[in-house]
Amino acid sequence: MPPADASDAEPTGWQRIAGAVESLWNRPPRPPTSGPGQLPPLRATRRPDADWRIAVLVFQGVTSAEIDEPVRRMAERLNADVVFVGTGVDHVHAVEPARYVDIDATPADAPPADVIVIPGGIGWERLVADTTVMSWLSTTAQSARGVLAISTGSLLLASAGRLDGQKSTGHWLAQKDLARLGATVQSERIVRSDDGRIVTASGANAAFAAVDELLDRVMWDVH
């Protein structure tokens, strides 16, 4: 029997993920709509008396569960505006669950942020190649009062050079990559940096407690 051709092999889990990313990235844009069985788009929020501003980095394939409830909880506790920052003012396709996220600012025009949230998702590696976005992420994460990175969002933050030597966590499949990028990886679901300004979470479920962990520190510092 002739040897099996590599192209006939069953794709690995990571290959399936890569295929999904490629499909999402190349999907033609269409206006976000909502209908029966379809979740409404996630959009920026503005409060007339806002005290804080939260910037959320979003991208094609971002995990919507790591944005929706965690960011809403954070905005309510801080009385904060929320701005979604991405590569262009458009919308992206989010996953888990599937929905759109409207982008309303780019790195060039994003307002200063008090807190930055970096969710994970299957498209994070594509974003690392965008030097404009990564430069904005590095600068904003350095100046913000608080930073929350969730799942593979920790890899984005580490790629921006903001987890060098910092205790951190992230998606369990990505811990070796996180260590390679300079982080001191911990096995806990939620990890706070030594100064308490950066909190990393292993995934969406841990993100709820991570929000409180971060805000208890940054709000205490303000008062």
C-alpha atoms as a PDB file:
ATOM      1  CA  MET A   1       0.000   0.000   0.000  1.00  0.00           C
ATOM      2  CA  PRO A   2       1.469   3.408  -0.890  1.00  0.00           C
ATOM      3  CA  PRO A   3       2.160   5.794   1.999  1.00  0.00           C
ATOM      4  CA  ALA A   4      -0.660   8.154   2.834  1.00  0.00           C
ATOM      5  CA  ASP A   5      -0.253  11.613   1.454  1.00  0.00           C
ATOM      6  CA  ALA A   6       0.022  14.354   4.116  1.00  0.00           C
ATOM      7  CA  SER A   7      -2.884  16.162   2.514  1.00  0.00           C
ATOM      8  CA  ASP A   8      -5.118  13.160   3.307  1.00  0.00           C
ATOM      9  CA  ALA A   9      -4.353  13.263   7.034  1.00  0.00           C
ATOM     10  CA  GLU A  10      -7.070  14.218   9.464  1.00  0.00           C
ATOM     11  CA  PRO A  11      -6.579  17.892  10.417  1.00  0.00           C
ATOM     12  CA  THR A  12      -5.440  18.572  13.966  1.00  0.00           C
ATOM     13  CA  GLY A  13      -7.370  20.746  16.402  1.00  0.00           C
ATOM     14  CA  TRP A  14      -5.055  23.685  15.782  1.00  0.00           C
ATOM     15  CA  GLN A  15      -5.410  23.240  12.016  1.00  0.00           C
ATOM     16  CA  ARG A  16      -9.189  23.366  12.348  1.00  0.00           C
ATOM     17  CA  ILE A  17      -8.848  26.559  14.388  1.00  0.00           C
ATOM     18  CA  ALA A  18      -6.547  28.059  11.760  1.00  0.00           C
ATOM     19  CA  GLY A  19      -9.098  27.203   9.079  1.00  0.00           C
ATOM     20  CA  ALA A  20     -11.856  28.847  11.076  1.00  0.00           C
ATOM     21  CA  VAL A  21      -9.753  31.988  11.500  1.00  0.00           C
ATOM     22  CA  GLU A  22      -9.048  32.134   7.770  1.00  0.00           C
ATOM     23  CA  SER A  23     -12.744  31.767   7.020  1.00  0.00           C
ATOM     24  CA  LEU A  24     -13.683  34.533   9.461  1.00  0.00           C
ATOM     25  CA  TRP A  25     -10.946  36.883   8.296  1.00  0.00           C
ATOM     26  CA  ASN A  26     -11.928  36.574   4.660  1.00  0.00           C
ATOM     27  CA  ARG A  27     -15.679  36.722   5.183  1.00  0.00           C
ATOM     28  CA  PRO A  28     -17.155  39.686   3.277  1.00  0.00           C
ATOM     29  CA  PRO A  29     -18.614  42.380   5.542  1.00  0.00           C
ATOM     30  CA  ARG A  30     -22.338  42.832   5.844  1.00  0.00           C
ATOM     31  CA  PRO A  31     -24.375  45.112   8.092  1.00  0.00           C
ATOM     32  CA  PRO A  32     -24.952  43.720  11.597  1.00  0.00           C
ATOM     33  CA  THR A  33     -28.582  42.782  12.062  1.00  0.00           C
ATOM     34  CA  SER A  34     -30.573  40.960  14.683  1.00  0.00           C
ATOM     35  CA  GLY A  35     -33.467  38.620  14.227  1.00  0.00           C
ATOM     36  CA  PRO A  36     -34.991  35.459  15.634  1.00  0.00           C
ATOM     37  CA  GLY A  37     -32.244  33.380  17.211  1.00  0.00           C
ATOM     38  CA  GLN A  38     -29.560  35.954  16.440  1.00  0.00           C
ATOM     39  CA  LEU A  39     -27.845  37.928  19.164  1.00  0.00           C
ATOM     40  CA  PRO A  40     -27.739  41.723  18.727  1.00  0.00           C
ATOM     41  CA  PRO A  41     -24.373  43.338  18.004  1.00  0.00           C
ATOM     42  CA  LEU A  42     -22.183  44.503  20.854  1.00  0.00           C
ATOM     43  CA  ARG A  43     -21.813  48.263  20.650  1.00  0.00           C
ATOM     44  CA  ALA A  44     -20.051  51.061  22.477  1.00  0.00           C
ATOM     45  CA  THR A  45     -21.905  52.713  25.333  1.00  0.00           C
ATOM     46  CA  ARG A  46     -21.848  56.333  26.432  1.00  0.00           C
ATOM     47  CA  ARG A  47     -22.930  57.735  29.804  1.00  0.00           C
ATOM     48  CA  PRO A  48     -23.593  61.474  30.176  1.00  0.00           C
ATOM     49  CA  ASP A  49     -21.938  61.519  33.597  1.00  0.00           C
ATOM     50  CA  ALA A  50     -19.224  58.910  32.997  1.00  0.00           C
ATOM     51  CA  ASP A  51     -16.273  58.935  35.400  1.00  0.00           C
ATOM     52  CA  TRP A  52     -14.077  56.422  33.552  1.00  0.00           C
ATOM     53  CA  ARG A  53     -13.435  55.131  30.053  1.00  0.00           C
ATOM     54  CA  ILE A  54     -12.931  51.456  29.149  1.00  0.00           C
ATOM     55  CA  ALA A  55     -11.240  50.512  25.878  1.00  0.00           C
ATOM     56  CA  VAL A  56     -11.840  46.996  24.543  1.00  0.00           C
ATOM     57  CA  LEU A  57      -9.556  45.613  21.835  1.00  0.00           C
ATOM     58  CA  VAL A  58     -11.591  43.595  19.319  1.00  0.00           C
ATOM     59  CA  PHE A  59     -10.715  41.639  16.196  1.00  0.00           C
ATOM     60  CA  GLN A  60     -12.117  39.106  13.749  1.00  0.00           C
ATOM     61  CA  GLY A  61     -12.795  35.905  15.717  1.00  0.00           C
ATOM     62  CA  VAL A  62     -12.819  37.547  19.160  1.00  0.00           C
ATOM     63  CA  THR A  63     -14.732  35.646  21.846  1.00  0.00           C
ATOM     64  CA  SER A  64     -17.908  37.600  22.572  1.00  0.00           C
ATOM     65  CA  ALA A  65     -18.481  35.948  25.976  1.00  0.00           C
ATOM     66  CA  GLU A  66     -15.238  37.537  27.144  1.00  0.00           C
ATOM     67  CA  ILE A  67     -16.632  40.964  26.271  1.00  0.00           C
ATOM     68  CA  ASP A  68     -20.372  41.046  26.923  1.00  0.00           C
ATOM     69  CA  GLU A  69     -20.975  40.398  30.620  1.00  0.00           C
ATOM     70  CA  PRO A  70     -17.464  41.146  31.945  1.00  0.00           C
ATOM     71  CA  VAL A  71     -17.301  44.569  30.275  1.00  0.00           C
ATOM     72  CA  ARG A  72     -20.887  45.403  31.217  1.00  0.00           C
ATOM     73  CA  ARG A  73     -20.134  44.569  34.848  1.00  0.00           C
ATOM     74  CA  MET A  74     -17.002  46.677  34.742  1.00  0.00           C
ATOM     75  CA  ALA A  75     -18.798  49.648  33.149  1.00  0.00           C
ATOM     76  CA  GLU A  76     -21.552  49.546  35.761  1.00  0.00           C
ATOM     77  CA  ARG A  77     -19.122  49.456  38.679  1.00  0.00           C
ATOM     78  CA  LEU A  78     -16.976  52.263  37.268  1.00  0.00           C
ATOM     79  CA  ASN A  79     -19.803  54.329  35.735  1.00  0.00           C
ATOM     80  CA  ALA A  80     -17.740  54.185  32.574  1.00  0.00           C
ATOM     81  CA  ASP A  81     -18.032  54.749  28.857  1.00  0.00           C
ATOM     82  CA  VAL A  82     -17.034  51.786  26.674  1.00  0.00           C
ATOM     83  CA  VAL A  83     -15.207  52.108  23.344  1.00  0.00           C
ATOM     84  CA  PHE A  84     -14.393  49.207  21.020  1.00  0.00           C
ATOM     85  CA  VAL A  85     -11.030  49.614  19.298  1.00  0.00           C
ATOM     86  CA  GLY A  86     -10.036  47.678  16.180  1.00  0.00           C
ATOM     87  CA  THR A  87      -8.165  47.882  12.918  1.00  0.00           C
ATOM     88  CA  GLY A  88     -10.919  49.855  11.165  1.00  0.00           C
ATOM     89  CA  VAL A  89     -14.235  51.496  11.995  1.00  0.00           C
ATOM     90  CA  ASP A  90     -16.495  48.679  10.879  1.00  0.00           C
ATOM     91  CA  HIS A  91     -17.624  45.511  12.611  1.00  0.00           C
ATOM     92  CA  VAL A  92     -16.095  42.126  13.283  1.00  0.00           C
ATOM     93  CA  HIS A  93     -17.505  38.626  13.545  1.00  0.00           C
ATOM     94  CA  ALA A  94     -17.219  37.346  17.099  1.00  0.00           C
ATOM     95  CA  VAL A  95     -17.558  33.733  18.203  1.00  0.00           C
ATOM     96  CA  GLU A  96     -18.711  31.776  21.261  1.00  0.00           C
ATOM     97  CA  PRO A  97     -21.462  32.865  20.891  1.00  0.00           C
ATOM     98  CA  ALA A  98     -21.606  34.146  17.330  1.00  0.00           C
ATOM     99  CA  ARG A  99     -22.499  37.831  16.989  1.00  0.00           C
ATOM    100  CA  TYR A 100     -21.107  41.045  15.591  1.00  0.00           C
ATOM    101  CA  VAL A 101     -19.086  43.652  17.461  1.00  0.00           C
ATOM    102  CA  ASP A 102     -19.164  47.212  16.165  1.00  0.00           C
ATOM    103  CA  ILE A 103     -15.802  49.020  16.154  1.00  0.00           C
ATOM    104  CA  ASP A 104     -16.041  52.744  16.794  1.00  0.00           C
ATOM    105  CA  ALA A 105     -12.370  53.728  17.102  1.00  0.00           C
ATOM    106  CA  THR A 106      -9.020  52.821  15.585  1.00  0.00           C
ATOM    107  CA  PRO A 107      -5.628  53.115  17.291  1.00  0.00           C
ATOM    108  CA  ALA A 108      -5.156  56.446  15.495  1.00  0.00           C
ATOM    109  CA  ASP A 109      -8.250  58.090  17.002  1.00  0.00           C
ATOM    110  CA  ALA A 110      -9.008  56.073  20.145  1.00  0.00           C
ATOM    111  CA  PRO A 111      -9.477  58.313  23.194  1.00  0.00           C
ATOM    112  CA  PRO A 112      -7.326  57.787  26.296  1.00  0.00           C
ATOM    113  CA  ALA A 113      -8.494  54.835  28.391  1.00  0.00           C
ATOM    114  CA  ASP A 114      -8.551  54.383  32.149  1.00  0.00           C
ATOM    115  CA  VAL A 115      -8.950  50.624  31.806  1.00  0.00           C
ATOM    116  CA  ILE A 116      -8.157  48.370  28.854  1.00  0.00           C
ATOM    117  CA  VAL A 117      -9.691  44.938  28.276  1.00  0.00           C
ATOM    118  CA  ILE A 118      -8.004  42.443  25.957  1.00  0.00           C
ATOM    119  CA  PRO A 119     -10.311  39.472  25.267  1.00  0.00           C
ATOM    120  CA  GLY A 120      -9.081  36.345  23.540  1.00  0.00           C
ATOM    121  CA  GLY A 121     -10.289  34.592  20.432  1.00  0.00           C
ATOM    122  CA  ILE A 122      -9.242  32.458  17.518  1.00  0.00           C
ATOM    123  CA  GLY A 123      -7.912  35.443  15.545  1.00  0.00           C
ATOM    124  CA  TRP A 124      -5.370  36.758  18.040  1.00  0.00           C
ATOM    125  CA  GLU A 125      -2.284  35.692  16.035  1.00  0.00           C
ATOM    126  CA  ARG A 126      -3.356  37.778  13.040  1.00  0.00           C
ATOM    127  CA  LEU A 127      -3.472  40.865  15.228  1.00  0.00           C
ATOM    128  CA  VAL A 128       0.105  40.413  16.453  1.00  0.00           C
ATOM    129  CA  ALA A 129       1.324  41.187  12.928  1.00  0.00           C
ATOM    130  CA  ASP A 130      -0.411  44.592  12.955  1.00  0.00           C
ATOM    131  CA  THR A 131       2.278  46.934  14.269  1.00  0.00           C
ATOM    132  CA  THR A 132      -0.117  49.884  14.607  1.00  0.00           C
ATOM    133  CA  VAL A 133      -2.510  47.960  16.849  1.00  0.00           C
ATOM    134  CA  MET A 134       0.299  46.409  18.888  1.00  0.00           C
ATOM    135  CA  SER A 135       1.946  49.788  19.431  1.00  0.00           C
ATOM    136  CA  TRP A 136      -1.379  51.211  20.653  1.00  0.00           C
ATOM    137  CA  LEU A 137      -1.880  48.207  22.924  1.00  0.00           C
ATOM    138  CA  SER A 138       1.585  48.563  24.437  1.00  0.00           C
ATOM    139  CA  THR A 139       1.188  52.307  25.048  1.00  0.00           C
ATOM    140  CA  THR A 140      -2.353  52.071  26.417  1.00  0.00           C
ATOM    141  CA  ALA A 141      -1.565  49.116  28.678  1.00  0.00           C
ATOM    142  CA  GLN A 142       1.364  51.044  30.101  1.00  0.00           C
ATOM    143  CA  SER A 143      -0.642  54.200  30.898  1.00  0.00           C
ATOM    144  CA  ALA A 144      -3.999  52.694  31.941  1.00  0.00           C
ATOM    145  CA  ARG A 145      -4.976  52.470  35.596  1.00  0.00           C
ATOM    146  CA  GLY A 146      -6.062  48.878  35.086  1.00  0.00           C
ATOM    147  CA  VAL A 147      -5.536  46.112  32.519  1.00  0.00           C
ATOM    148  CA  LEU A 148      -7.590  42.926  32.106  1.00  0.00           C
ATOM    149  CA  ALA A 149      -6.475  40.211  29.672  1.00  0.00           C
ATOM    150  CA  ILE A 150      -8.617  37.116  29.193  1.00  0.00           C
ATOM    151  CA  SER A 151      -7.685  33.725  27.705  1.00  0.00           C
ATOM    152  CA  THR A 152      -5.503  34.219  24.599  1.00  0.00           C
ATOM    153  CA  GLY A 153      -5.782  37.963  25.203  1.00  0.00           C
ATOM    154  CA  SER A 154      -2.854  37.376  27.569  1.00  0.00           C
ATOM    155  CA  LEU A 155      -0.802  36.364  24.529  1.00  0.00           C
ATOM    156  CA  LEU A 156      -1.631  39.685  22.862  1.00  0.00           C
ATOM    157  CA  LEU A 157      -0.612  41.599  25.977  1.00  0.00           C
ATOM    158  CA  ALA A 158       2.596  39.575  26.266  1.00  0.00           C
ATOM    159  CA  SER A 159       3.338  40.111  22.559  1.00  0.00           C
ATOM    160  CA  ALA A 160       3.078  43.855  23.237  1.00  0.00           C
ATOM    161  CA  GLY A 161       5.791  43.462  25.883  1.00  0.00           C
ATOM    162  CA  ARG A 162       3.549  44.184  28.867  1.00  0.00           C
ATOM    163  CA  LEU A 163       3.835  40.846  30.675  1.00  0.00           C
ATOM    164  CA  ASP A 164       7.623  40.591  30.768  1.00  0.00           C
ATOM    165  CA  GLY A 165       8.480  39.031  34.119  1.00  0.00           C
ATOM    166  CA  GLN A 166       4.879  39.439  35.311  1.00  0.00           C
ATOM    167  CA  LYS A 167       2.906  36.668  36.959  1.00  0.00           C
ATOM    168  CA  SER A 168       0.043  35.815  34.616  1.00  0.00           C
ATOM    169  CA  THR A 169      -2.295  33.171  33.268  1.00  0.00           C
ATOM    170  CA  GLY A 170      -4.292  32.546  30.112  1.00  0.00           C
ATOM    171  CA  HIS A 171      -5.819  29.811  27.970  1.00  0.00           C
ATOM    172  CA  TRP A 172      -4.523  26.452  29.138  1.00  0.00           C
ATOM    173  CA  LEU A 173      -3.413  25.487  25.623  1.00  0.00           C
ATOM    174  CA  ALA A 174      -1.344  28.642  25.298  1.00  0.00           C
ATOM    175  CA  GLN A 175       0.661  28.603  28.523  1.00  0.00           C
ATOM    176  CA  LYS A 176       3.906  27.513  26.840  1.00  0.00           C
ATOM    177  CA  ASP A 177       3.566  30.339  24.325  1.00  0.00           C
ATOM    178  CA  LEU A 178       2.849  32.759  27.167  1.00  0.00           C
ATOM    179  CA  ALA A 179       6.038  31.713  28.951  1.00  0.00           C
ATOM    180  CA  ARG A 180       7.996  31.999  25.710  1.00  0.00           C
ATOM    181  CA  LEU A 181       6.805  35.600  25.407  1.00  0.00           C
ATOM    182  CA  GLY A 182       8.339  36.469  28.782  1.00  0.00           C
ATOM    183  CA  ALA A 183       5.502  35.983  31.270  1.00  0.00           C
ATOM    184  CA  THR A 184       5.836  34.079  34.531  1.00  0.00           C
ATOM    185  CA  VAL A 185       2.982  31.631  34.011  1.00  0.00           C
ATOM    186  CA  GLN A 186       0.805  30.561  36.934  1.00  0.00           C
ATOM    187  CA  SER A 187      -1.727  27.713  36.990  1.00  0.00           C
ATOM    188  CA  GLU A 188      -4.480  29.720  38.723  1.00  0.00           C
ATOM    189  CA  ARG A 189      -7.629  30.856  36.913  1.00  0.00           C
ATOM    190  CA  ILE A 190      -7.021  34.485  37.938  1.00  0.00           C
ATOM    191  CA  VAL A 191      -3.612  36.066  38.470  1.00  0.00           C
ATOM    192  CA  ARG A 192      -2.826  39.610  39.589  1.00  0.00           C
ATOM    193  CA  SER A 193       0.491  41.325  38.883  1.00  0.00           C
ATOM    194  CA  ASP A 194       2.644  42.373  41.817  1.00  0.00           C
ATOM    195  CA  ASP A 195       1.378  45.952  41.684  1.00  0.00           C
ATOM    196  CA  GLY A 196      -2.224  44.812  41.142  1.00  0.00           C
ATOM    197  CA  ARG A 197      -2.629  46.906  37.995  1.00  0.00           C
ATOM    198  CA  ILE A 198      -2.773  43.934  35.590  1.00  0.00           C
ATOM    199  CA  VAL A 199      -5.135  40.993  36.042  1.00  0.00           C
ATOM    200  CA  THR A 200      -5.163  37.997  33.716  1.00  0.00           C
ATOM    201  CA  ALA A 201      -7.893  35.353  33.530  1.00  0.00           C
ATOM    202  CA  SER A 202      -7.940  31.868  32.040  1.00  0.00           C
ATOM    203  CA  GLY A 203     -11.259  32.331  30.221  1.00  0.00           C
ATOM    204  CA  ALA A 204     -14.755  33.804  30.175  1.00  0.00           C
ATOM    205  CA  ASN A 205     -15.930  32.102  33.378  1.00  0.00           C
ATOM    206  CA  ALA A 206     -12.946  33.387  35.329  1.00  0.00           C
ATOM    207  CA  ALA A 207     -13.358  36.860  33.848  1.00  0.00           C
ATOM    208  CA  PHE A 208     -16.279  37.773  36.122  1.00  0.00           C
ATOM    209  CA  ALA A 209     -14.227  37.336  39.282  1.00  0.00           C
ATOM    210  CA  ALA A 210     -11.230  38.913  37.531  1.00  0.00           C
ATOM    211  CA  VAL A 211     -13.241  42.097  36.935  1.00  0.00           C
ATOM    212  CA  ASP A 212     -13.899  42.441  40.663  1.00  0.00           C
ATOM    213  CA  GLU A 213     -10.273  41.583  41.462  1.00  0.00           C
ATOM    214  CA  LEU A 214      -9.052  44.371  39.200  1.00  0.00           C
ATOM    215  CA  LEU A 215     -11.619  47.001  40.130  1.00  0.00           C
ATOM    216  CA  ASP A 216     -11.246  46.516  43.863  1.00  0.00           C
ATOM    217  CA  ARG A 217      -7.622  47.542  43.412  1.00  0.00           C
ATOM    218  CA  VAL A 218      -7.929  50.406  40.914  1.00  0.00           C
ATOM    219  CA  MET A 219     -10.922  51.983  42.669  1.00  0.00           C
ATOM    220  CA  TRP A 220      -9.108  51.735  46.018  1.00  0.00           C
ATOM    221  CA  ASP A 221      -6.099  53.500  44.483  1.00  0.00           C
ATOM    222  CA  VAL A 222      -8.322  56.351  43.273  1.00  0.00           C
ATOM    223  CA  HIS A 223      -9.858  56.873  46.693  1.00  0.00           C
END
